C-alpha cells in the first residue's frame, strides 16, 4: 500500500462534525492527536461498521458485552468511491474536478448517514461512541480491509481491541470473495474480536 492517510476535521457548517480520514493525501501516515488521556482502567475499542444488519448487531454486542463506562469506543466506517478518471478528449470540455468533488461529497454524506444511524443505536444502549469516516478512493488502491489495517497500524498504541462482524460466508465464500474479518484476524496489529 503506497497511499497514506491524512486526518481532516469537518468544520463547514453544512457538514456534520464526524471526522473524515482521507486516503492518499499525504506522504506519511500521521497519528491523530488525542484530546483526552486514556485512563489505566479504560479500554479502547475500534468498532468497524458498514451499515449492514450485522453492524447493528456488532454495536449491540459491544454495548452489552464489552463496553463499560469510561471506555473509548470509536465507530469506524470505510466508504470507498470511484472518481471519474481524467481522460483528455479533443473538442470535449468536461469538468472532471467538479464531478469528482461531487462524488466525494456524496460518499461523505452516505458514509455519515451510516454512522449517524449507528451512533443513535449506541446511544439507545447507553454507550458513548466517537464516529470516524474513512473515505477510500478506489483509484488509489483503496479496499476496506487494507484501509482498516492501515488505520490500525498508524494508531495501534491507542487501540486495545479491533471489533468487527462476520457475515458468515463460510469457507467457500471466503475463498472466492475474501473476508474482511478473516483478513483482520490474521493481519491486524491489535487483538481482534469477531462478532457472529
Protein backbone atom coordinates (compact mmCIF):
# COMPACT_ATOMS: atom_id res chain seq x y z
CA UNK A 1 0.00 0.00 0.00
CA UNK A 2 1.74 3.09 -1.19
CA UNK A 3 -1.02 5.58 -0.35
CA UNK A 4 -1.16 7.09 3.08
CA UNK A 5 -3.80 8.66 5.27
CA UNK A 6 -4.46 12.18 6.41
CA UNK A 7 -6.95 13.26 9.05
CA UNK A 8 -9.31 16.08 8.21
CA UNK A 9 -11.83 17.56 10.62
CA UNK A 10 -15.02 18.88 9.02
CA UNK A 11 -15.55 22.49 10.06
CA UNK A 12 -18.06 23.64 7.44
CA UNK A 13 -21.46 24.50 8.95
CA UNK A 14 -23.28 22.47 6.28
CA UNK A 15 -21.43 19.29 7.21
CA UNK A 16 -21.73 17.27 10.39
CA UNK A 17 -18.99 17.04 13.00
CA UNK A 18 -17.94 13.47 12.06
CA UNK A 19 -14.18 13.48 11.43
CA UNK A 20 -13.16 12.26 8.00
CA UNK A 21 -9.94 10.44 7.19
CA UNK A 22 -8.97 10.78 3.54
CA UNK A 23 -6.74 8.36 1.69
CA UNK A 24 -3.74 9.31 -0.39
CA UNK A 25 -3.32 12.97 0.56
CA UNK A 26 -0.07 12.94 2.49
CA UNK A 27 3.36 11.40 2.17
CA UNK A 28 3.45 9.94 5.69
CA UNK A 29 0.83 8.42 7.98
CA UNK A 30 0.22 10.96 10.68
CA UNK A 31 -1.04 9.78 14.03
CA UNK A 32 -4.12 11.66 15.11
CA UNK A 33 -3.82 13.98 18.07
CA UNK A 34 -5.65 12.70 21.12
CA UNK A 35 -7.78 15.17 23.04
CA UNK A 36 -8.14 13.11 26.20
CA UNK A 37 -5.66 10.99 28.04
CA UNK A 38 -6.61 7.33 28.40
CA UNK A 39 -7.04 6.12 31.95
CA UNK A 40 -5.35 2.94 33.14
CA UNK A 41 -8.66 1.13 33.69
CA UNK A 42 -10.38 2.06 30.43
CA UNK A 43 -10.31 0.03 27.25
CA UNK A 44 -10.20 1.43 23.73
CA UNK A 45 -12.25 -0.30 21.01
CA UNK A 46 -12.17 0.39 17.28
CA UNK A 47 -15.50 -0.98 16.04
CA UNK A 48 -15.63 -1.46 12.27
CA UNK A 49 -19.08 -0.94 10.79
CA UNK A 50 -20.58 -0.86 7.31
CA UNK A 51 -24.27 -0.10 7.74
CA UNK A 52 -25.45 -3.69 7.42
CA UNK A 53 -27.71 -5.51 9.87
CA UNK A 54 -24.57 -7.26 11.12
CA UNK A 55 -23.10 -3.87 12.04
CA UNK A 56 -26.15 -3.13 14.17
CA UNK A 57 -25.62 -6.47 15.89
CA UNK A 58 -21.94 -5.62 16.48
CA UNK A 59 -22.87 -2.30 18.13
CA UNK A 60 -25.45 -4.04 20.34
CA UNK A 61 -22.93 -6.75 21.25
CA UNK A 62 -20.33 -4.16 22.21
CA UNK A 63 -22.79 -2.25 24.38
CA UNK A 64 -24.00 -5.37 26.20
CA UNK A 65 -20.80 -7.41 26.41
CA UNK A 66 -17.65 -5.31 26.05
CA UNK A 67 -18.41 -1.71 26.97
CA UNK A 68 -18.13 -0.25 30.44
CA UNK A 69 -18.45 3.41 31.39
CA UNK A 70 -15.20 5.22 30.69
CA UNK A 71 -14.17 3.04 27.74
CA UNK A 72 -13.38 4.70 24.43
CA UNK A 73 -15.38 3.30 21.53
CA UNK A 74 -14.75 4.52 18.01
CA UNK A 75 -17.23 3.53 15.30
CA UNK A 76 -15.10 3.31 12.17
CA UNK A 77 -16.72 3.21 8.74
CA UNK A 78 -14.79 2.89 5.48
CA UNK A 79 -16.68 4.22 2.48
CA UNK A 80 -14.98 3.69 -0.86
CA UNK A 81 -15.92 5.51 -4.04
CA UNK A 82 -14.51 5.60 -7.55
CA UNK A 83 -13.73 9.01 -9.03
CA UNK A 84 -14.09 9.67 -12.75
CA UNK A 85 -10.72 9.22 -14.49
CA UNK A 86 -9.36 12.23 -16.33
CA UNK A 87 -9.29 11.27 -19.99
CA UNK A 88 -8.38 14.02 -22.42
CA UNK A 89 -10.66 14.24 -25.48
CA UNK A 90 -10.26 16.64 -28.37
CA UNK A 91 -13.07 19.15 -28.53
CA UNK A 92 -14.74 17.90 -25.35
CA UNK A 93 -14.99 20.10 -22.31
CA UNK A 94 -15.78 18.32 -19.08
CA UNK A 95 -15.03 19.48 -15.56
CA UNK A 96 -13.64 16.29 -14.01
CA UNK A 97 -12.70 18.07 -10.80
CA UNK A 98 -16.26 19.25 -10.27
CA UNK A 99 -17.65 15.76 -10.89
CA UNK A 100 -15.10 14.18 -8.57
CA UNK A 101 -15.79 16.73 -5.82
CA UNK A 102 -19.47 15.85 -6.18
CA UNK A 103 -18.70 12.13 -5.92
CA UNK A 104 -16.58 12.71 -2.81
CA UNK A 105 -19.30 14.86 -1.26
CA UNK A 106 -21.91 12.18 -1.94
CA UNK A 107 -19.64 9.48 -0.47
CA UNK A 108 -19.12 11.68 2.58
CA UNK A 109 -22.89 12.19 3.02
CA UNK A 110 -23.69 8.49 2.61
CA UNK A 111 -20.91 7.46 4.99
CA UNK A 112 -22.11 9.98 7.58
CA UNK A 113 -25.68 8.67 7.27
CA UNK A 114 -24.47 5.16 8.10
CA UNK A 115 -22.53 6.41 11.13
CA UNK A 116 -25.35 8.64 12.39
CA UNK A 117 -27.74 5.69 12.45
CA UNK A 118 -25.27 3.56 14.41
CA UNK A 119 -24.44 6.41 16.81
CA UNK A 120 -28.17 6.66 17.58
CA UNK A 121 -28.30 2.92 18.20
CA UNK A 122 -25.31 3.14 20.55
CA UNK A 123 -26.98 5.96 22.48
CA UNK A 124 -30.12 3.81 22.92
CA UNK A 125 -27.84 1.26 24.60
CA UNK A 126 -26.16 3.94 26.79
CA UNK A 127 -22.84 3.58 25.00
CA UNK A 128 -20.77 6.69 24.24
CA UNK A 129 -19.07 6.46 20.86
CA UNK A 130 -16.93 8.60 18.59
CA UNK A 131 -17.74 8.17 14.88
CA UNK A 132 -14.99 8.24 12.24
CA UNK A 133 -15.47 8.10 8.50
CA UNK A 134 -12.65 6.94 6.24
CA UNK A 135 -13.14 7.87 2.59
CA UNK A 136 -11.31 5.46 0.33
CA UNK A 137 -10.56 6.28 -3.29
CA UNK A 138 -10.69 3.08 -5.35
CA UNK A 139 -8.34 4.58 -7.93
CA UNK A 140 -5.59 4.83 -5.31
CA UNK A 141 -5.94 1.16 -4.35
CA UNK A 142 -8.44 1.55 -1.53
CA UNK A 143 -10.04 -1.62 -0.21
CA UNK A 144 -11.91 -1.82 3.08
CA UNK A 145 -9.69 -4.44 4.74
CA UNK A 146 -6.47 -2.65 3.76
CA UNK A 147 -7.82 0.74 4.83
CA UNK A 148 -8.76 -0.63 8.26
CA UNK A 149 -5.38 -2.31 8.62
CA UNK A 150 -3.57 0.91 7.66
CA UNK A 151 -5.59 2.97 10.14
CA UNK A 152 -4.94 0.45 12.92
CA UNK A 153 -1.19 0.42 12.16
CA UNK A 154 -0.97 4.18 12.44
CA UNK A 155 -2.96 4.25 15.71
CA UNK A 156 -2.12 0.85 17.24
CA UNK A 157 -0.82 2.19 20.56
CA UNK A 158 -4.22 3.83 21.18
CA UNK A 159 -6.39 0.81 20.26
CA UNK A 160 -6.77 -2.14 22.63
CA UNK A 161 -9.23 -4.17 20.54
CA UNK A 162 -10.47 -4.14 16.98
CA UNK A 163 -14.10 -5.33 16.77
CA UNK A 164 -15.81 -6.36 13.53
CA UNK A 165 -18.67 -8.52 12.35
CA UNK A 166 -18.65 -11.78 10.49
CA UNK A 167 -21.10 -12.18 7.66
CA UNK A 168 -20.99 -15.97 7.94
CA UNK A 169 -19.95 -16.64 4.35
CA UNK A 170 -18.33 -19.97 5.19
CA UNK A 171 -15.15 -21.48 3.77
CA UNK A 172 -16.18 -21.32 0.10
CA UNK A 173 -17.39 -17.71 0.34
CA UNK A 174 -14.16 -16.61 2.00
CA UNK A 175 -12.10 -18.46 -0.61
CA UNK A 176 -13.96 -16.87 -3.52
CA UNK A 177 -14.62 -13.38 -2.22
CA UNK A 178 -12.28 -12.92 0.71
CA UNK A 179 -13.34 -11.82 4.15
CA UNK A 180 -12.58 -8.53 5.85
CA UNK A 181 -12.89 -10.17 9.28
CA UNK A 182 -10.66 -13.08 8.28
CA UNK A 183 -8.02 -10.71 6.91
CA UNK A 184 -8.09 -8.52 10.04
CA UNK A 185 -7.78 -11.50 12.39
CA UNK A 186 -4.60 -12.57 10.62
CA UNK A 187 -3.06 -9.17 9.86
CA UNK A 188 -4.15 -6.64 12.48
CA UNK A 189 -1.54 -5.25 14.87
CA UNK A 190 -4.05 -5.37 17.75
CA UNK A 191 -6.25 -8.13 19.17
CA UNK A 192 -9.35 -8.62 17.04
CA UNK A 193 -12.82 -9.66 18.20
CA UNK A 194 -15.12 -11.05 15.50
CA UNK A 195 -18.83 -10.92 16.37
CA UNK A 196 -21.05 -13.62 14.81
